[in-house]
Amino acid sequence: MKGFADIADLDEDDRIKLMADAVALGNVIGCAIDDIPEKIERYIEKMTEYPHVRHIVTDPGLVENTVTIRFGPVLDG
C-alpha cells in the first residue's frame, strides 16, 4: 500500500522510530530531508542501527536543497 505521512512536527528520534517500524512491516520508505551532509549521514546512521533496516539509495529531492533517502528491509542472503 502506498501512503504519505507528514511527520515533520515529531522529534527526530520519533520520526526515525516510526520509519523503522514501517520498514519492519516490509515496506520500502522514503524520507525527504534537507540536503545537509551531516543530517543525511545522521539519518542513515540512526536508521541502519535497527538491524532490520538497510539504506537503499539517496537521491536528489523533489524540492531544491533536499534529498530523498530510501530505506527498506534487509535482504536475505
Protein backbone atom coordinates (compact mmCIF):
# COMPACT_ATOMS: atom_id res chain seq x y z
CA MET A 1 0.00 0.00 0.00
CA LYS A 2 1.32 3.43 -0.87
CA GLY A 3 0.88 6.25 1.56
CA PHE A 4 2.19 9.55 2.82
CA ALA A 5 2.62 10.90 6.31
CA ASP A 6 3.81 14.35 7.28
CA ILE A 7 5.82 13.63 10.41
CA ALA A 8 7.95 16.78 10.34
CA ASP A 9 6.50 18.02 13.62
CA LEU A 10 7.77 14.97 15.52
CA ASP A 11 11.11 14.85 17.28
CA GLU A 12 13.84 13.40 15.01
CA ASP A 13 14.23 10.22 17.06
CA ASP A 14 10.44 9.70 17.00
CA ARG A 15 10.47 10.13 13.20
CA ILE A 16 13.29 7.60 12.90
CA LYS A 17 11.44 5.05 15.05
CA LEU A 18 8.21 5.50 13.10
CA MET A 19 10.06 4.96 9.82
CA ALA A 20 11.95 1.92 11.16
CA ASP A 21 8.65 0.46 12.35
CA ALA A 22 7.22 0.89 8.83
CA VAL A 23 10.24 -0.93 7.38
CA ALA A 24 9.75 -3.73 9.93
CA LEU A 25 6.36 -4.34 8.29
CA GLY A 26 8.14 -4.98 4.97
CA ASN A 27 7.74 -1.51 3.49
CA VAL A 28 10.25 0.47 1.49
CA ILE A 29 10.02 4.05 2.70
CA GLY A 30 11.41 7.35 1.53
CA CYS A 31 12.00 10.44 3.58
CA ALA A 32 12.70 13.93 2.32
CA ILE A 33 15.20 15.95 4.33
CA ASP A 34 17.39 19.00 3.91
CA ASP A 35 20.47 18.50 1.72
CA ILE A 36 22.89 18.89 4.63
CA PRO A 37 25.61 16.21 4.60
CA GLU A 38 25.71 15.87 8.40
CA LYS A 39 21.93 15.45 8.58
CA ILE A 40 21.90 12.89 5.76
CA GLU A 41 24.64 10.86 7.46
CA ARG A 42 22.85 11.09 10.82
CA TYR A 43 19.55 9.80 9.40
CA ILE A 44 21.27 6.91 7.60
CA GLU A 45 23.26 6.02 10.72
CA LYS A 46 20.24 6.13 13.04
CA MET A 47 18.01 4.15 10.67
CA THR A 48 20.58 1.44 10.00
CA GLU A 49 21.15 0.96 13.72
CA TYR A 50 17.92 -1.02 13.50
CA PRO A 51 19.07 -4.50 12.39
CA HIS A 52 16.13 -4.97 10.01
CA VAL A 53 16.74 -1.71 8.08
CA ARG A 54 19.02 -1.13 5.10
CA HIS A 55 19.81 2.09 3.27
CA ILE A 56 18.82 1.70 -0.36
CA VAL A 57 19.69 5.00 -2.03
CA THR A 58 19.93 8.74 -1.53
CA ASP A 59 18.64 10.78 -4.46
CA PRO A 60 18.13 14.49 -5.11
CA GLY A 61 14.85 15.63 -3.63
CA LEU A 62 11.82 16.96 -5.44
CA VAL A 63 12.33 20.35 -3.82
CA GLU A 64 15.52 22.38 -4.16
CA ASN A 65 18.08 21.77 -1.39
CA THR A 66 16.52 18.48 -0.30
CA VAL A 67 17.30 14.80 -0.76
CA THR A 68 15.12 11.71 -0.65
CA ILE A 69 16.57 8.80 1.31
CA ARG A 70 15.06 5.36 0.77
CA PHE A 71 15.19 2.58 3.32
CA GLY A 72 13.89 -0.96 3.18
CA PRO A 73 14.10 -4.34 4.84
CA VAL A 74 17.44 -6.11 4.94
CA LEU A 75 17.71 -8.57 2.06
CA ASP A 76 18.12 -12.25 2.83
CA GLY A 77 21.22 -13.96 1.51
